[in-house]
Amino acid sequence: MNRQELLTKLDLAAGRLLREKGYINYPGLFIALGCLDRRDYEAWRFRRVPYLERVIKLNLARISFIMMSVRKNSLSGELKPSRTAYMSWGKGPERQLRFSKSGSAQIEQLWATHFLKPEKTPFRTENTDA
């Protein structure tokens, strides 16, 4: 699949996530694109996989391209970035999960960012008392 086809598929998947959940997150997006199996995602959440990039069926260049495209489009579409802590599931103490092999703080922060729909502001009523 070339980049243009990937961008088209990406736009559709991101739009669907935004409608269904009210936000876009990278793990959900990779699942929607068919690049991350839900069972692999759950294995990562249960700490059976050391970092999420390991089980995504794309090379790092494609993963980066997708993440940067989503970030750019989300910010230009006035979605609000929000950092989310991904904690492990299951027995034992909760631990923060790793997304990348490197564990770089900057990369981990990018992965943990969700893009939220802007909050709707209530209608203001004008004061007609004179």
N, C-alpha and C. Protein backbone atom coordinates (compact mmCIF):
# COMPACT_ATOMS: atom_id res chain seq x y z
N MET A 1 0.85 -1.18 0.00
CA MET A 1 0.00 0.00 0.00
C MET A 1 0.90 1.24 0.00
N ASN A 2 0.62 2.16 -0.93
CA ASN A 2 1.43 3.37 -0.99
C ASN A 2 0.94 4.38 0.06
N ARG A 3 1.66 5.50 0.19
CA ARG A 3 1.33 6.47 1.23
C ARG A 3 -0.04 7.10 1.04
N GLN A 4 -0.41 7.36 -0.20
CA GLN A 4 -1.71 7.97 -0.46
C GLN A 4 -2.84 7.03 -0.05
N GLU A 5 -2.73 5.76 -0.39
CA GLU A 5 -3.73 4.77 0.03
C GLU A 5 -3.78 4.66 1.55
N LEU A 6 -2.60 4.70 2.16
CA LEU A 6 -2.51 4.62 3.62
C LEU A 6 -3.19 5.83 4.27
N LEU A 7 -2.97 7.02 3.71
CA LEU A 7 -3.60 8.23 4.26
C LEU A 7 -5.12 8.17 4.15
N THR A 8 -5.62 7.65 3.04
CA THR A 8 -7.06 7.52 2.86
C THR A 8 -7.64 6.57 3.91
N LYS A 9 -7.00 5.42 4.07
CA LYS A 9 -7.44 4.43 5.06
C LYS A 9 -7.34 5.00 6.48
N LEU A 10 -6.29 5.76 6.70
CA LEU A 10 -6.05 6.39 8.01
C LEU A 10 -7.14 7.41 8.34
N ASP A 11 -7.51 8.23 7.37
CA ASP A 11 -8.57 9.22 7.58
C ASP A 11 -9.89 8.55 7.94
N LEU A 12 -10.21 7.48 7.25
CA LEU A 12 -11.46 6.76 7.53
C LEU A 12 -11.45 6.15 8.94
N ALA A 13 -10.33 5.52 9.30
CA ALA A 13 -10.21 4.88 10.62
C ALA A 13 -10.24 5.92 11.73
N ALA A 14 -9.55 7.03 11.55
CA ALA A 14 -9.51 8.08 12.58
C ALA A 14 -10.90 8.70 12.75
N GLY A 15 -11.59 8.95 11.65
CA GLY A 15 -12.94 9.50 11.72
C GLY A 15 -13.89 8.57 12.44
N ARG A 16 -13.77 7.28 12.17
CA ARG A 16 -14.63 6.28 12.83
C ARG A 16 -14.35 6.26 14.34
N LEU A 17 -13.06 6.28 14.72
CA LEU A 17 -12.72 6.29 16.16
C LEU A 17 -13.27 7.53 16.84
N LEU A 18 -13.14 8.67 16.18
CA LEU A 18 -13.60 9.93 16.75
C LEU A 18 -15.12 9.91 16.95
N ARG A 19 -15.85 9.37 15.99
CA ARG A 19 -17.31 9.27 16.12
C ARG A 19 -17.71 8.29 17.22
N GLU A 20 -17.04 7.13 17.26
CA GLU A 20 -17.43 6.08 18.20
C GLU A 20 -16.99 6.36 19.63
N LYS A 21 -15.75 6.84 19.80
CA LYS A 21 -15.20 7.00 21.14
C LYS A 21 -15.10 8.45 21.60
N GLY A 22 -15.08 9.37 20.66
CA GLY A 22 -14.91 10.78 21.02
C GLY A 22 -13.45 11.19 21.08
N TYR A 23 -12.56 10.27 20.75
CA TYR A 23 -11.13 10.57 20.73
C TYR A 23 -10.41 9.61 19.78
N ILE A 24 -9.19 10.00 19.44
CA ILE A 24 -8.33 9.15 18.62
C ILE A 24 -7.13 8.78 19.48
N ASN A 25 -6.82 7.50 19.56
CA ASN A 25 -5.61 7.05 20.23
C ASN A 25 -4.85 6.11 19.29
N TYR A 26 -3.54 6.09 19.43
CA TYR A 26 -2.73 5.32 18.49
C TYR A 26 -2.98 3.82 18.54
N PRO A 27 -3.03 3.19 19.72
CA PRO A 27 -3.32 1.74 19.70
C PRO A 27 -4.65 1.42 19.02
N GLY A 28 -5.69 2.20 19.32
CA GLY A 28 -6.98 1.98 18.68
C GLY A 28 -6.93 2.17 17.19
N LEU A 29 -6.13 3.13 16.76
CA LEU A 29 -5.98 3.41 15.34
C LEU A 29 -5.27 2.26 14.62
N PHE A 30 -4.20 1.74 15.23
CA PHE A 30 -3.49 0.62 14.60
C PHE A 30 -4.36 -0.65 14.57
N ILE A 31 -5.22 -0.81 15.56
CA ILE A 31 -6.16 -1.94 15.53
C ILE A 31 -7.15 -1.73 14.39
N ALA A 32 -7.69 -0.50 14.28
CA ALA A 32 -8.66 -0.20 13.21
C ALA A 32 -8.05 -0.35 11.82
N LEU A 33 -6.76 -0.07 11.69
CA LEU A 33 -6.08 -0.21 10.40
C LEU A 33 -5.75 -1.66 10.08
N GLY A 34 -5.89 -2.55 11.06
CA GLY A 34 -5.56 -3.96 10.85
C GLY A 34 -4.08 -4.26 11.01
N CYS A 35 -3.34 -3.33 11.59
CA CYS A 35 -1.89 -3.49 11.77
C CYS A 35 -1.54 -4.01 13.16
N LEU A 36 -2.52 -4.04 14.04
CA LEU A 36 -2.32 -4.53 15.40
C LEU A 36 -3.49 -5.43 15.74
N ASP A 37 -3.17 -6.66 16.07
CA ASP A 37 -4.20 -7.62 16.46
C ASP A 37 -4.66 -7.33 17.88
N ARG A 38 -5.96 -7.41 18.12
CA ARG A 38 -6.49 -7.13 19.46
C ARG A 38 -5.89 -8.05 20.52
N ARG A 39 -5.62 -9.31 20.14
CA ARG A 39 -5.00 -10.23 21.11
C ARG A 39 -3.58 -9.79 21.48
N ASP A 40 -2.85 -9.28 20.49
CA ASP A 40 -1.50 -8.76 20.78
C ASP A 40 -1.57 -7.53 21.67
N TYR A 41 -2.56 -6.68 21.42
CA TYR A 41 -2.76 -5.49 22.25
C TYR A 41 -3.03 -5.91 23.70
N GLU A 42 -3.92 -6.89 23.87
CA GLU A 42 -4.23 -7.36 25.22
C GLU A 42 -3.03 -8.02 25.88
N ALA A 43 -2.23 -8.75 25.11
CA ALA A 43 -1.01 -9.35 25.66
C ALA A 43 -0.07 -8.27 26.17
N TRP A 44 0.01 -7.17 25.44
CA TRP A 44 0.84 -6.03 25.88
C TRP A 44 0.28 -5.43 27.16
N ARG A 45 -1.04 -5.28 27.22
CA ARG A 45 -1.66 -4.70 28.42
C ARG A 45 -1.45 -5.60 29.65
N PHE A 46 -1.36 -6.92 29.42
CA PHE A 46 -1.11 -7.86 30.52
C PHE A 46 0.38 -8.12 30.75
N ARG A 47 1.24 -7.32 30.10
CA ARG A 47 2.71 -7.37 30.25
C ARG A 47 3.34 -8.64 29.71
N ARG A 48 2.69 -9.30 28.76
CA ARG A 48 3.30 -10.47 28.14
C ARG A 48 4.14 -10.07 26.92
N VAL A 49 4.02 -8.82 26.51
CA VAL A 49 4.80 -8.25 25.41
C VAL A 49 5.53 -7.04 26.00
N PRO A 50 6.85 -6.94 25.82
CA PRO A 50 7.61 -5.88 26.49
C PRO A 50 7.30 -4.46 26.02
N TYR A 51 6.96 -4.28 24.75
CA TYR A 51 6.62 -2.95 24.22
C TYR A 51 5.71 -3.13 23.01
N LEU A 52 4.83 -2.18 22.80
CA LEU A 52 3.77 -2.31 21.79
C LEU A 52 4.31 -2.36 20.37
N GLU A 53 5.32 -1.58 20.05
CA GLU A 53 5.86 -1.57 18.67
C GLU A 53 6.24 -2.97 18.19
N ARG A 54 6.57 -3.83 19.10
CA ARG A 54 7.00 -5.18 18.76
C ARG A 54 5.93 -5.99 18.04
N VAL A 55 4.67 -5.72 18.35
CA VAL A 55 3.59 -6.53 17.78
C VAL A 55 2.79 -5.80 16.70
N ILE A 56 3.19 -4.60 16.34
CA ILE A 56 2.53 -3.90 15.23
C ILE A 56 3.15 -4.39 13.94
N LYS A 57 2.30 -4.73 12.99
CA LYS A 57 2.75 -5.35 11.74
C LYS A 57 3.16 -4.32 10.68
N LEU A 58 3.94 -3.33 11.10
CA LEU A 58 4.49 -2.31 10.21
C LEU A 58 5.91 -2.01 10.64
N ASN A 59 6.73 -1.50 9.71
CA ASN A 59 8.07 -1.10 10.12
C ASN A 59 8.01 0.26 10.82
N LEU A 60 9.10 0.64 11.47
CA LEU A 60 9.11 1.88 12.24
C LEU A 60 8.88 3.11 11.39
N ALA A 61 9.33 3.10 10.14
CA ALA A 61 9.12 4.25 9.26
C ALA A 61 7.62 4.45 9.01
N ARG A 62 6.88 3.37 8.77
CA ARG A 62 5.43 3.47 8.55
C ARG A 62 4.71 3.89 9.83
N ILE A 63 5.14 3.33 10.95
CA ILE A 63 4.53 3.70 12.23
C ILE A 63 4.71 5.20 12.47
N SER A 64 5.92 5.69 12.25
CA SER A 64 6.22 7.11 12.43
C SER A 64 5.39 7.98 11.49
N PHE A 65 5.30 7.57 10.24
CA PHE A 65 4.53 8.32 9.25
C PHE A 65 3.07 8.44 9.68
N ILE A 66 2.49 7.34 10.14
CA ILE A 66 1.11 7.34 10.60
C ILE A 66 0.94 8.25 11.81
N MET A 67 1.83 8.13 12.77
CA MET A 67 1.71 8.93 13.98
C MET A 67 1.85 10.42 13.69
N MET A 68 2.80 10.78 12.87
CA MET A 68 3.00 12.21 12.55
C MET A 68 1.82 12.75 11.73
N SER A 69 1.28 11.95 10.82
CA SER A 69 0.12 12.38 10.03
C SER A 69 -1.09 12.60 10.92
N VAL A 70 -1.33 11.69 11.84
CA VAL A 70 -2.47 11.81 12.74
C VAL A 70 -2.31 13.03 13.64
N ARG A 71 -1.12 13.22 14.16
CA ARG A 71 -0.87 14.37 15.04
C ARG A 71 -1.11 15.69 14.28
N LYS A 72 -0.55 15.78 13.08
CA LYS A 72 -0.69 17.00 12.27
C LYS A 72 -2.16 17.27 11.95
N ASN A 73 -2.88 16.25 11.48
CA ASN A 73 -4.28 16.42 11.12
C ASN A 73 -5.16 16.72 12.34
N SER A 74 -4.85 16.09 13.46
CA SER A 74 -5.63 16.30 14.68
C SER A 74 -5.48 17.72 15.19
N LEU A 75 -4.24 18.20 15.20
CA LEU A 75 -4.01 19.56 15.68
C LEU A 75 -4.59 20.60 14.74
N SER A 76 -4.46 20.37 13.43
CA SER A 76 -5.04 21.32 12.48
C SER A 76 -6.57 21.24 12.49
N GLY A 77 -7.12 20.12 12.90
CA GLY A 77 -8.57 19.97 13.03
C GLY A 77 -9.09 20.40 14.39
N GLU A 78 -8.21 21.04 15.16
CA GLU A 78 -8.55 21.59 16.48
C GLU A 78 -8.99 20.55 17.50
N LEU A 79 -8.42 19.33 17.39
CA LEU A 79 -8.64 18.35 18.44
C LEU A 79 -7.67 18.67 19.57
N LYS A 80 -8.06 18.34 20.77
CA LYS A 80 -7.26 18.68 21.95
C LYS A 80 -6.36 17.50 22.32
N PRO A 81 -5.01 17.70 22.33
CA PRO A 81 -4.13 16.61 22.76
C PRO A 81 -4.23 16.42 24.28
N SER A 82 -4.24 15.18 24.70
CA SER A 82 -4.34 14.86 26.12
C SER A 82 -3.49 13.63 26.40
N ARG A 83 -2.54 13.74 27.31
CA ARG A 83 -1.69 12.60 27.64
C ARG A 83 -2.46 11.65 28.55
N THR A 84 -2.33 10.37 28.27
CA THR A 84 -3.03 9.34 29.02
C THR A 84 -2.01 8.32 29.53
N ALA A 85 -2.16 7.90 30.75
CA ALA A 85 -1.27 6.88 31.31
C ALA A 85 -1.81 5.50 30.92
N TYR A 86 -0.97 4.70 30.30
CA TYR A 86 -1.33 3.33 29.96
C TYR A 86 -0.73 2.43 31.03
N MET A 87 -1.61 1.89 31.86
CA MET A 87 -1.18 1.03 32.95
C MET A 87 -1.51 -0.42 32.62
N SER A 88 -0.73 -1.32 33.20
CA SER A 88 -0.93 -2.74 32.93
C SER A 88 -2.23 -3.24 33.54
N TRP A 89 -2.73 -4.29 32.95
CA TRP A 89 -3.91 -4.97 33.45
C TRP A 89 -3.47 -6.21 34.19
N GLY A 90 -4.38 -6.84 34.91
CA GLY A 90 -4.13 -8.14 35.53
C GLY A 90 -3.70 -8.05 36.97
N LYS A 91 -3.27 -9.20 37.47
CA LYS A 91 -2.86 -9.32 38.86
C LYS A 91 -1.52 -8.65 39.09
N GLY A 92 -1.28 -8.33 40.33
CA GLY A 92 -0.01 -7.69 40.68
C GLY A 92 -0.13 -6.18 40.59
N PRO A 93 0.95 -5.51 40.93
CA PRO A 93 0.91 -4.05 40.91
C PRO A 93 0.79 -3.51 39.49
N GLU A 94 0.05 -2.43 39.36
CA GLU A 94 -0.05 -1.78 38.05
C GLU A 94 1.30 -1.17 37.71
N ARG A 95 1.67 -1.30 36.46
CA ARG A 95 2.92 -0.69 35.99
C ARG A 95 2.62 0.09 34.72
N GLN A 96 3.38 1.16 34.54
CA GLN A 96 3.24 1.92 33.31
C GLN A 96 3.82 1.08 32.17
N LEU A 97 3.10 1.02 31.07
CA LEU A 97 3.50 0.20 29.93
C LEU A 97 4.39 1.00 28.99
N ARG A 98 5.24 0.26 28.28
CA ARG A 98 6.12 0.87 27.28
C ARG A 98 5.54 0.66 25.89
N PHE A 99 5.69 1.68 25.07
CA PHE A 99 5.24 1.62 23.69
C PHE A 99 6.38 1.27 22.75
N SER A 100 7.58 1.79 23.03
CA SER A 100 8.70 1.68 22.09
C SER A 100 9.84 0.87 22.66
N LYS A 101 10.65 0.34 21.77
CA LYS A 101 11.83 -0.41 22.18
C LYS A 101 12.81 0.49 22.92
N SER A 102 12.98 1.71 22.42
CA SER A 102 13.94 2.64 23.03
C SER A 102 13.50 3.12 24.40
N GLY A 103 12.18 3.27 24.60
CA GLY A 103 11.69 3.78 25.87
C GLY A 103 11.94 5.27 26.04
N SER A 104 12.33 5.96 24.98
CA SER A 104 12.58 7.40 25.02
C SER A 104 11.36 8.14 25.55
N ALA A 105 11.56 9.06 26.47
CA ALA A 105 10.46 9.79 27.08
C ALA A 105 9.64 10.54 26.03
N GLN A 106 10.30 11.13 25.05
CA GLN A 106 9.59 11.88 24.01
C GLN A 106 8.70 10.96 23.17
N ILE A 107 9.22 9.81 22.79
CA ILE A 107 8.45 8.85 21.98
C ILE A 107 7.30 8.28 22.81
N GLU A 108 7.56 7.95 24.05
CA GLU A 108 6.52 7.41 24.92
C GLU A 108 5.39 8.43 25.11
N GLN A 109 5.75 9.70 25.24
CA GLN A 109 4.74 10.74 25.40
C GLN A 109 3.89 10.88 24.13
N LEU A 110 4.52 10.80 22.96
CA LEU A 110 3.77 10.86 21.71
C LEU A 110 2.76 9.72 21.63
N TRP A 111 3.20 8.52 21.96
CA TRP A 111 2.32 7.35 21.91
C TRP A 111 1.14 7.48 22.87
N ALA A 112 1.38 8.07 24.05
CA ALA A 112 0.35 8.14 25.09
C ALA A 112 -0.62 9.30 24.90
N THR A 113 -0.47 10.05 23.82
CA THR A 113 -1.35 11.18 23.57
C THR A 113 -2.62 10.75 22.86
N HIS A 114 -3.74 11.17 23.40
CA HIS A 114 -5.04 11.00 22.77
C HIS A 114 -5.44 12.35 22.20
N PHE A 115 -6.23 12.34 21.16
CA PHE A 115 -6.73 13.59 20.58
C PHE A 115 -8.24 13.60 20.77
N LEU A 116 -8.71 14.57 21.56
CA LEU A 116 -10.11 14.63 21.98
C LEU A 116 -10.90 15.63 21.16
N LYS A 117 -12.19 15.33 20.99
CA LYS A 117 -13.09 16.29 20.36
C LYS A 117 -13.13 17.52 21.25
N PRO A 118 -13.20 18.70 20.65
CA PRO A 118 -13.32 19.89 21.49
C PRO A 118 -14.64 19.87 22.25
N GLU A 119 -14.60 20.40 23.46
CA GLU A 119 -15.82 20.44 24.27
C GLU A 119 -16.79 21.43 23.64
N LYS A 120 -18.03 21.05 23.64
CA LYS A 120 -19.06 21.95 23.12
C LYS A 120 -19.35 22.99 24.19
N THR A 121 -19.42 24.21 23.76
CA THR A 121 -19.75 25.27 24.71
C THR A 121 -21.27 25.48 24.70
N PRO A 122 -21.84 25.66 25.87
CA PRO A 122 -23.30 25.87 25.91
C PRO A 122 -23.65 27.21 25.28
N PHE A 123 -24.85 27.29 24.76
CA PHE A 123 -25.30 28.53 24.16
C PHE A 123 -25.40 29.60 25.23
N ARG A 124 -24.94 30.77 24.87
CA ARG A 124 -25.07 31.88 25.82
C ARG A 124 -26.38 32.60 25.52
N THR A 125 -27.06 32.96 26.57
CA THR A 125 -28.29 33.73 26.38
C THR A 125 -27.98 35.17 26.71
N GLU A 126 -28.48 36.03 25.90
CA GLU A 126 -28.25 37.45 26.12
C GLU A 126 -29.18 37.93 27.22
N ASN A 127 -28.67 38.81 28.02
CA ASN A 127 -29.46 39.39 29.09
C ASN A 127 -30.36 40.46 28.46
N THR A 128 -31.66 40.24 28.49
CA THR A 128 -32.59 41.18 27.87
C THR A 128 -33.19 42.14 28.88
N ASP A 129 -32.74 42.03 30.13
CA ASP A 129 -33.23 42.97 31.15
C ASP A 129 -32.62 44.33 30.87
N ALA A 130 -33.47 45.34 30.71
CA ALA A 130 -32.95 46.69 30.45
C ALA A 130 -33.50 47.68 31.42
